[in-house]
């Protein structure tokens, strides 16, 4: 409920910087 649209947003604007903690960066792919 905090990340659902991140991947689509990244694909639409690949140059848009997205930041998160180190652990969150490792866990994010579990949403897809």
ModelCIF file with pLDDT and N, C-alpha, C, O atoms, coordinates in Angstrom:
data_MODEL
#
_entry.id   MODEL 
#
_entity.id                         1 
_entity.type                       polymer 
_entity.pdbx_number_of_molecules   1 
#
_entity_poly.entity_id                      1 
_entity_poly.type                           'polypeptide(L)' 
_entity_poly.nstd_linkage                   no 
_entity_poly.nstd_monomer                   no 
_entity_poly.pdbx_seq_one_letter_code       
;(UNK)(UNK)(UNK)(UNK)(UNK)(UNK)(UNK)(UNK)(UNK)(UNK)(UNK)(UNK)(UNK)(UNK)(UNK)(UNK)
(UNK)(UNK)(UNK)(UNK)(UNK)(UNK)(UNK)(UNK)(UNK)(UNK)(UNK)(UNK)(UNK)(UNK)(UNK)(UNK)
;
_entity_poly.pdbx_seq_one_letter_code_can   XXXXXXXXXXXXXXXXXXXXXXXXXXXXXXXX 
_entity_poly.pdbx_strand_id                 A 
#
loop_
_entity_poly_seq.entity_id 
_entity_poly_seq.num 
_entity_poly_seq.mon_id 
_entity_poly_seq.hetero 
1 1  UNK n 
1 2  UNK n 
1 3  UNK n 
1 4  UNK n 
1 5  UNK n 
1 6  UNK n 
1 7  UNK n 
1 8  UNK n 
1 9  UNK n 
1 10 UNK n 
1 11 UNK n 
1 12 UNK n 
1 13 UNK n 
1 14 UNK n 
1 15 UNK n 
1 16 UNK n 
1 17 UNK n 
1 18 UNK n 
1 19 UNK n 
1 20 UNK n 
1 21 UNK n 
1 22 UNK n 
1 23 UNK n 
1 24 UNK n 
1 25 UNK n 
1 26 UNK n 
1 27 UNK n 
1 28 UNK n 
1 29 UNK n 
1 30 UNK n 
1 31 UNK n 
1 32 UNK n 
#
_struct_asym.id          A 
_struct_asym.entity_id   1 
#
loop_
_ma_qa_metric.id 
_ma_qa_metric.mode 
_ma_qa_metric.name 
_ma_qa_metric.software_group_id 
_ma_qa_metric.type 
1 global pLDDT . pLDDT 
2 local  pLDDT . pLDDT 
#
_ma_qa_metric_global.metric_id      1 
_ma_qa_metric_global.metric_value   96.19 
_ma_qa_metric_global.model_id       1 
_ma_qa_metric_global.ordinal_id     1 
#
loop_
_ma_qa_metric_local.label_asym_id 
_ma_qa_metric_local.label_comp_id 
_ma_qa_metric_local.label_seq_id 
_ma_qa_metric_local.metric_id 
_ma_qa_metric_local.metric_value 
_ma_qa_metric_local.model_id 
_ma_qa_metric_local.ordinal_id 
A UNK 1  2 95.00 1 1  
A UNK 2  2 97.00 1 2  
A UNK 3  2 97.00 1 3  
A UNK 4  2 95.00 1 4  
A UNK 5  2 96.00 1 5  
A UNK 6  2 97.00 1 6  
A UNK 7  2 96.00 1 7  
A UNK 8  2 95.00 1 8  
A UNK 9  2 96.00 1 9  
A UNK 10 2 96.00 1 10 
A UNK 11 2 95.00 1 11 
A UNK 12 2 95.00 1 12 
A UNK 13 2 95.00 1 13 
A UNK 14 2 95.00 1 14 
A UNK 15 2 95.00 1 15 
A UNK 16 2 96.00 1 16 
A UNK 17 2 97.00 1 17 
A UNK 18 2 98.00 1 18 
A UNK 19 2 98.00 1 19 
A UNK 20 2 98.00 1 20 
A UNK 21 2 98.00 1 21 
A UNK 22 2 97.00 1 22 
A UNK 23 2 97.00 1 23 
A UNK 24 2 97.00 1 24 
A UNK 25 2 97.00 1 25 
A UNK 26 2 96.00 1 26 
A UNK 27 2 97.00 1 27 
A UNK 28 2 97.00 1 28 
A UNK 29 2 96.00 1 29 
A UNK 30 2 95.00 1 30 
A UNK 31 2 94.00 1 31 
A UNK 32 2 95.00 1 32 
#
loop_
_atom_site.group_PDB 
_atom_site.id 
_atom_site.type_symbol 
_atom_site.label_atom_id 
_atom_site.label_alt_id 
_atom_site.label_comp_id 
_atom_site.label_asym_id 
_atom_site.label_entity_id 
_atom_site.label_seq_id 
_atom_site.pdbx_PDB_ins_code 
_atom_site.Cartn_x 
_atom_site.Cartn_y 
_atom_site.Cartn_z 
_atom_site.occupancy 
_atom_site.B_iso_or_equiv 
_atom_site.pdbx_formal_charge 
_atom_site.auth_seq_id 
_atom_site.auth_comp_id 
_atom_site.auth_asym_id 
_atom_site.auth_atom_id 
_atom_site.pdbx_PDB_model_num 
ATOM 1   N N  . UNK A 1 1  ? 0.816  -1.211 0.000   1.00 95.00 ? 1  UNK A N  1 
ATOM 2   C CA . UNK A 1 1  ? 0.000  0.000  0.000   1.00 95.00 ? 1  UNK A CA 1 
ATOM 3   C C  . UNK A 1 1  ? 0.854  1.267  0.000   1.00 95.00 ? 1  UNK A C  1 
ATOM 4   O O  . UNK A 1 1  ? 0.322  2.376  -0.057  1.00 95.00 ? 1  UNK A O  1 
ATOM 5   N N  . UNK A 1 2  ? 2.165  1.105  0.063   1.00 97.00 ? 2  UNK A N  1 
ATOM 6   C CA . UNK A 1 2  ? 3.079  2.248  -0.032  1.00 97.00 ? 2  UNK A CA 1 
ATOM 7   C C  . UNK A 1 2  ? 3.956  2.179  -1.286  1.00 97.00 ? 2  UNK A C  1 
ATOM 8   O O  . UNK A 1 2  ? 4.656  3.141  -1.603  1.00 97.00 ? 2  UNK A O  1 
ATOM 9   N N  . UNK A 1 3  ? 3.922  1.054  -1.997  1.00 97.00 ? 3  UNK A N  1 
ATOM 10  C CA . UNK A 1 3  ? 4.875  0.838  -3.090  1.00 97.00 ? 3  UNK A CA 1 
ATOM 11  C C  . UNK A 1 3  ? 4.238  0.388  -4.402  1.00 97.00 ? 3  UNK A C  1 
ATOM 12  O O  . UNK A 1 3  ? 4.932  0.288  -5.413  1.00 97.00 ? 3  UNK A O  1 
ATOM 13  N N  . UNK A 1 4  ? 2.949  0.117  -4.407  1.00 95.00 ? 4  UNK A N  1 
ATOM 14  C CA . UNK A 1 4  ? 2.294  -0.558 -5.520  1.00 95.00 ? 4  UNK A CA 1 
ATOM 15  C C  . UNK A 1 4  ? 2.590  0.090  -6.872  1.00 95.00 ? 4  UNK A C  1 
ATOM 16  O O  . UNK A 1 4  ? 2.748  -0.613 -7.870  1.00 95.00 ? 4  UNK A O  1 
ATOM 17  N N  . UNK A 1 5  ? 2.665  1.413  -6.916  1.00 96.00 ? 5  UNK A N  1 
ATOM 18  C CA . UNK A 1 5  ? 2.842  2.098  -8.194  1.00 96.00 ? 5  UNK A CA 1 
ATOM 19  C C  . UNK A 1 5  ? 4.283  2.426  -8.549  1.00 96.00 ? 5  UNK A C  1 
ATOM 20  O O  . UNK A 1 5  ? 4.529  3.030  -9.593  1.00 96.00 ? 5  UNK A O  1 
ATOM 21  N N  . UNK A 1 6  ? 5.248  2.043  -7.706  1.00 97.00 ? 6  UNK A N  1 
ATOM 22  C CA . UNK A 1 6  ? 6.635  2.465  -7.933  1.00 97.00 ? 6  UNK A CA 1 
ATOM 23  C C  . UNK A 1 6  ? 7.214  1.927  -9.229  1.00 97.00 ? 6  UNK A C  1 
ATOM 24  O O  . UNK A 1 6  ? 7.873  2.663  -9.963  1.00 97.00 ? 6  UNK A O  1 
ATOM 25  N N  . UNK A 1 7  ? 6.980  0.658  -9.521  1.00 96.00 ? 7  UNK A N  1 
ATOM 26  C CA . UNK A 1 7  ? 7.579  0.063  -10.708 1.00 96.00 ? 7  UNK A CA 1 
ATOM 27  C C  . UNK A 1 7  ? 7.028  0.712  -11.976 1.00 96.00 ? 7  UNK A C  1 
ATOM 28  O O  . UNK A 1 7  ? 7.790  1.023  -12.891 1.00 96.00 ? 7  UNK A O  1 
ATOM 29  N N  . UNK A 1 8  ? 5.717  0.920  -12.037 1.00 95.00 ? 8  UNK A N  1 
ATOM 30  C CA . UNK A 1 8  ? 5.119  1.577  -13.203 1.00 95.00 ? 8  UNK A CA 1 
ATOM 31  C C  . UNK A 1 8  ? 5.612  3.016  -13.327 1.00 95.00 ? 8  UNK A C  1 
ATOM 32  O O  . UNK A 1 8  ? 5.840  3.502  -14.435 1.00 95.00 ? 8  UNK A O  1 
ATOM 33  N N  . UNK A 1 9  ? 5.777  3.697  -12.195 1.00 96.00 ? 9  UNK A N  1 
ATOM 34  C CA . UNK A 1 9  ? 6.291  5.070  -12.223 1.00 96.00 ? 9  UNK A CA 1 
ATOM 35  C C  . UNK A 1 9  ? 7.723  5.093  -12.742 1.00 96.00 ? 9  UNK A C  1 
ATOM 36  O O  . UNK A 1 9  ? 8.094  5.983  -13.507 1.00 96.00 ? 9  UNK A O  1 
ATOM 37  N N  . UNK A 1 10 ? 8.533  4.110  -12.325 1.00 96.00 ? 10 UNK A N  1 
ATOM 38  C CA . UNK A 1 10 ? 9.917  4.026  -12.788 1.00 96.00 ? 10 UNK A CA 1 
ATOM 39  C C  . UNK A 1 10 ? 9.974  3.751  -14.295 1.00 96.00 ? 10 UNK A C  1 
ATOM 40  O O  . UNK A 1 10 ? 10.813 4.314  -14.997 1.00 96.00 ? 10 UNK A O  1 
ATOM 41  N N  . UNK A 1 11 ? 9.097  2.899  -14.781 1.00 95.00 ? 11 UNK A N  1 
ATOM 42  C CA . UNK A 1 11 ? 9.082  2.610  -16.213 1.00 95.00 ? 11 UNK A CA 1 
ATOM 43  C C  . UNK A 1 11 ? 8.648  3.824  -17.023 1.00 95.00 ? 11 UNK A C  1 
ATOM 44  O O  . UNK A 1 11 ? 9.137  4.039  -18.132 1.00 95.00 ? 11 UNK A O  1 
ATOM 45  N N  . UNK A 1 12 ? 7.732  4.620  -16.474 1.00 95.00 ? 12 UNK A N  1 
ATOM 46  C CA . UNK A 1 12 ? 7.271  5.818  -17.182 1.00 95.00 ? 12 UNK A CA 1 
ATOM 47  C C  . UNK A 1 12 ? 8.322  6.928  -17.167 1.00 95.00 ? 12 UNK A C  1 
ATOM 48  O O  . UNK A 1 12 ? 8.468  7.665  -18.142 1.00 95.00 ? 12 UNK A O  1 
ATOM 49  N N  . UNK A 1 13 ? 9.052  7.043  -16.053 1.00 95.00 ? 13 UNK A N  1 
ATOM 50  C CA . UNK A 1 13 ? 10.067 8.103  -15.912 1.00 95.00 ? 13 UNK A CA 1 
ATOM 51  C C  . UNK A 1 13 ? 11.333 7.490  -15.324 1.00 95.00 ? 13 UNK A C  1 
ATOM 52  O O  . UNK A 1 13 ? 11.605 7.672  -14.137 1.00 95.00 ? 13 UNK A O  1 
ATOM 53  N N  . UNK A 1 14 ? 12.117 6.763  -16.133 1.00 95.00 ? 14 UNK A N  1 
ATOM 54  C CA . UNK A 1 14 ? 13.287 6.037  -15.606 1.00 95.00 ? 14 UNK A CA 1 
ATOM 55  C C  . UNK A 1 14 ? 14.353 6.938  -15.002 1.00 95.00 ? 14 UNK A C  1 
ATOM 56  O O  . UNK A 1 14 ? 15.187 6.465  -14.230 1.00 95.00 ? 14 UNK A O  1 
ATOM 57  N N  . UNK A 1 15 ? 14.346 8.215  -15.330 1.00 95.00 ? 15 UNK A N  1 
ATOM 58  C CA . UNK A 1 15 ? 15.349 9.128  -14.778 1.00 95.00 ? 15 UNK A CA 1 
ATOM 59  C C  . UNK A 1 15 ? 14.930 9.735  -13.445 1.00 95.00 ? 15 UNK A C  1 
ATOM 60  O O  . UNK A 1 15 ? 15.721 10.425 -12.801 1.00 95.00 ? 15 UNK A O  1 
ATOM 61  N N  . UNK A 1 16 ? 13.687 9.482  -13.025 1.00 96.00 ? 16 UNK A N  1 
ATOM 62  C CA . UNK A 1 16 ? 13.191 10.028 -11.760 1.00 96.00 ? 16 UNK A CA 1 
ATOM 63  C C  . UNK A 1 16 ? 13.841 9.274  -10.601 1.00 96.00 ? 16 UNK A C  1 
ATOM 64  O O  . UNK A 1 16 ? 13.644 8.065  -10.484 1.00 96.00 ? 16 UNK A O  1 
ATOM 65  N N  . UNK A 1 17 ? 14.613 9.950  -9.738  1.00 97.00 ? 17 UNK A N  1 
ATOM 66  C CA . UNK A 1 17 ? 15.298 9.245  -8.641  1.00 97.00 ? 17 UNK A CA 1 
ATOM 67  C C  . UNK A 1 17 ? 14.308 8.738  -7.584  1.00 97.00 ? 17 UNK A C  1 
ATOM 68  O O  . UNK A 1 17 ? 13.428 9.472  -7.133  1.00 97.00 ? 17 UNK A O  1 
ATOM 69  N N  . UNK A 1 18 ? 14.473 7.468  -7.202  1.00 98.00 ? 18 UNK A N  1 
ATOM 70  C CA . UNK A 1 18 ? 13.671 6.868  -6.142  1.00 98.00 ? 18 UNK A CA 1 
ATOM 71  C C  . UNK A 1 18 ? 14.623 6.403  -5.050  1.00 98.00 ? 18 UNK A C  1 
ATOM 72  O O  . UNK A 1 18 ? 15.581 5.679  -5.320  1.00 98.00 ? 18 UNK A O  1 
ATOM 73  N N  . UNK A 1 19 ? 14.357 6.823  -3.809  1.00 98.00 ? 19 UNK A N  1 
ATOM 74  C CA . UNK A 1 19 ? 15.231 6.501  -2.686  1.00 98.00 ? 19 UNK A CA 1 
ATOM 75  C C  . UNK A 1 19 ? 14.465 5.702  -1.632  1.00 98.00 ? 19 UNK A C  1 
ATOM 76  O O  . UNK A 1 19 ? 13.256 5.864  -1.464  1.00 98.00 ? 19 UNK A O  1 
ATOM 77  N N  . UNK A 1 20 ? 15.192 4.842  -0.929  1.00 98.00 ? 20 UNK A N  1 
ATOM 78  C CA . UNK A 1 20 ? 14.644 4.092  0.209   1.00 98.00 ? 20 UNK A CA 1 
ATOM 79  C C  . UNK A 1 20 ? 15.818 3.597  1.034   1.00 98.00 ? 20 UNK A C  1 
ATOM 80  O O  . UNK A 1 20 ? 16.970 3.722  0.619   1.00 98.00 ? 20 UNK A O  1 
ATOM 81  N N  . UNK A 1 21 ? 15.529 3.035  2.199   1.00 98.00 ? 21 UNK A N  1 
ATOM 82  C CA . UNK A 1 21 ? 16.595 2.456  3.013   1.00 98.00 ? 21 UNK A CA 1 
ATOM 83  C C  . UNK A 1 21 ? 17.180 1.229  2.304   1.00 98.00 ? 21 UNK A C  1 
ATOM 84  O O  . UNK A 1 21 ? 16.573 0.686  1.381   1.00 98.00 ? 21 UNK A O  1 
ATOM 85  N N  . UNK A 1 22 ? 18.357 0.805  2.745   1.00 97.00 ? 22 UNK A N  1 
ATOM 86  C CA . UNK A 1 22 ? 19.016 -0.341 2.119   1.00 97.00 ? 22 UNK A CA 1 
ATOM 87  C C  . UNK A 1 22 ? 18.149 -1.592 2.174   1.00 97.00 ? 22 UNK A C  1 
ATOM 88  O O  . UNK A 1 22 ? 18.033 -2.314 1.185   1.00 97.00 ? 22 UNK A O  1 
ATOM 89  N N  . UNK A 1 23 ? 17.533 -1.851 3.342   1.00 97.00 ? 23 UNK A N  1 
ATOM 90  C CA . UNK A 1 23 ? 16.709 -3.048 3.487   1.00 97.00 ? 23 UNK A CA 1 
ATOM 91  C C  . UNK A 1 23 ? 15.456 -2.952 2.626   1.00 97.00 ? 23 UNK A C  1 
ATOM 92  O O  . UNK A 1 23 ? 15.076 -3.930 1.983   1.00 97.00 ? 23 UNK A O  1 
ATOM 93  N N  . UNK A 1 24 ? 14.812 -1.796 2.603   1.00 97.00 ? 24 UNK A N  1 
ATOM 94  C CA . UNK A 1 24 ? 13.626 -1.628 1.766   1.00 97.00 ? 24 UNK A CA 1 
ATOM 95  C C  . UNK A 1 24 ? 13.961 -1.865 0.299   1.00 97.00 ? 24 UNK A C  1 
ATOM 96  O O  . UNK A 1 24 ? 13.170 -2.466 -0.428  1.00 97.00 ? 24 UNK A O  1 
ATOM 97  N N  . UNK A 1 25 ? 15.125 -1.400 -0.141  1.00 97.00 ? 25 UNK A N  1 
ATOM 98  C CA . UNK A 1 25 ? 15.538 -1.623 -1.529  1.00 97.00 ? 25 UNK A CA 1 
ATOM 99  C C  . UNK A 1 25 ? 15.608 -3.110 -1.848  1.00 97.00 ? 25 UNK A C  1 
ATOM 100 O O  . UNK A 1 25 ? 15.304 -3.522 -2.967  1.00 97.00 ? 25 UNK A O  1 
ATOM 101 N N  . UNK A 1 26 ? 16.008 -3.914 -0.870  1.00 96.00 ? 26 UNK A N  1 
ATOM 102 C CA . UNK A 1 26 ? 16.120 -5.366 -1.082  1.00 96.00 ? 26 UNK A CA 1 
ATOM 103 C C  . UNK A 1 26 ? 14.768 -6.062 -1.017  1.00 96.00 ? 26 UNK A C  1 
ATOM 104 O O  . UNK A 1 26 ? 14.580 -7.108 -1.638  1.00 96.00 ? 26 UNK A O  1 
ATOM 105 N N  . UNK A 1 27 ? 13.828 -5.495 -0.276  1.00 97.00 ? 27 UNK A N  1 
ATOM 106 C CA . UNK A 1 27 ? 12.518 -6.119 -0.119  1.00 97.00 ? 27 UNK A CA 1 
ATOM 107 C C  . UNK A 1 27 ? 11.512 -5.706 -1.197  1.00 97.00 ? 27 UNK A C  1 
ATOM 108 O O  . UNK A 1 27 ? 10.531 -6.414 -1.423  1.00 97.00 ? 27 UNK A O  1 
ATOM 109 N N  . UNK A 1 28 ? 11.739 -4.588 -1.852  1.00 97.00 ? 28 UNK A N  1 
ATOM 110 C CA . UNK A 1 28 ? 10.771 -4.061 -2.820  1.00 97.00 ? 28 UNK A CA 1 
ATOM 111 C C  . UNK A 1 28 ? 10.362 -5.063 -3.898  1.00 97.00 ? 28 UNK A C  1 
ATOM 112 O O  . UNK A 1 28 ? 9.174  -5.144 -4.209  1.00 97.00 ? 28 UNK A O  1 
ATOM 113 N N  . UNK A 1 29 ? 11.293 -5.839 -4.489  1.00 96.00 ? 29 UNK A N  1 
ATOM 114 C CA . UNK A 1 29 ? 10.888 -6.749 -5.572  1.00 96.00 ? 29 UNK A CA 1 
ATOM 115 C C  . UNK A 1 29 ? 9.822  -7.766 -5.173  1.00 96.00 ? 29 UNK A C  1 
ATOM 116 O O  . UNK A 1 29 ? 9.185  -8.351 -6.050  1.00 96.00 ? 29 UNK A O  1 
ATOM 117 N N  . UNK A 1 30 ? 9.608  -7.996 -3.876  1.00 95.00 ? 30 UNK A N  1 
ATOM 118 C CA . UNK A 1 30 ? 8.578  -8.943 -3.444  1.00 95.00 ? 30 UNK A CA 1 
ATOM 119 C C  . UNK A 1 30 ? 7.176  -8.496 -3.847  1.00 95.00 ? 30 UNK A C  1 
ATOM 120 O O  . UNK A 1 30 ? 6.246  -9.301 -3.857  1.00 95.00 ? 30 UNK A O  1 
ATOM 121 N N  . UNK A 1 31 ? 7.023  -7.218 -4.177  1.00 94.00 ? 31 UNK A N  1 
ATOM 122 C CA . UNK A 1 31 ? 5.720  -6.728 -4.607  1.00 94.00 ? 31 UNK A CA 1 
ATOM 123 C C  . UNK A 1 31 ? 5.402  -7.085 -6.055  1.00 94.00 ? 31 UNK A C  1 
ATOM 124 O O  . UNK A 1 31 ? 4.271  -6.904 -6.506  1.00 94.00 ? 31 UNK A O  1 
ATOM 125 N N  . UNK A 1 32 ? 6.388  -7.588 -6.781  1.00 95.00 ? 32 UNK A N  1 
ATOM 126 C CA . UNK A 1 32 ? 6.181  -7.947 -8.191  1.00 95.00 ? 32 UNK A CA 1 
ATOM 127 C C  . UNK A 1 32 ? 6.886  -9.275 -8.461  1.00 95.00 ? 32 UNK A C  1 
ATOM 128 O O  . UNK A 1 32 ? 6.849  -9.777 -9.584  1.00 95.00 ? 32 UNK A O  1 
#
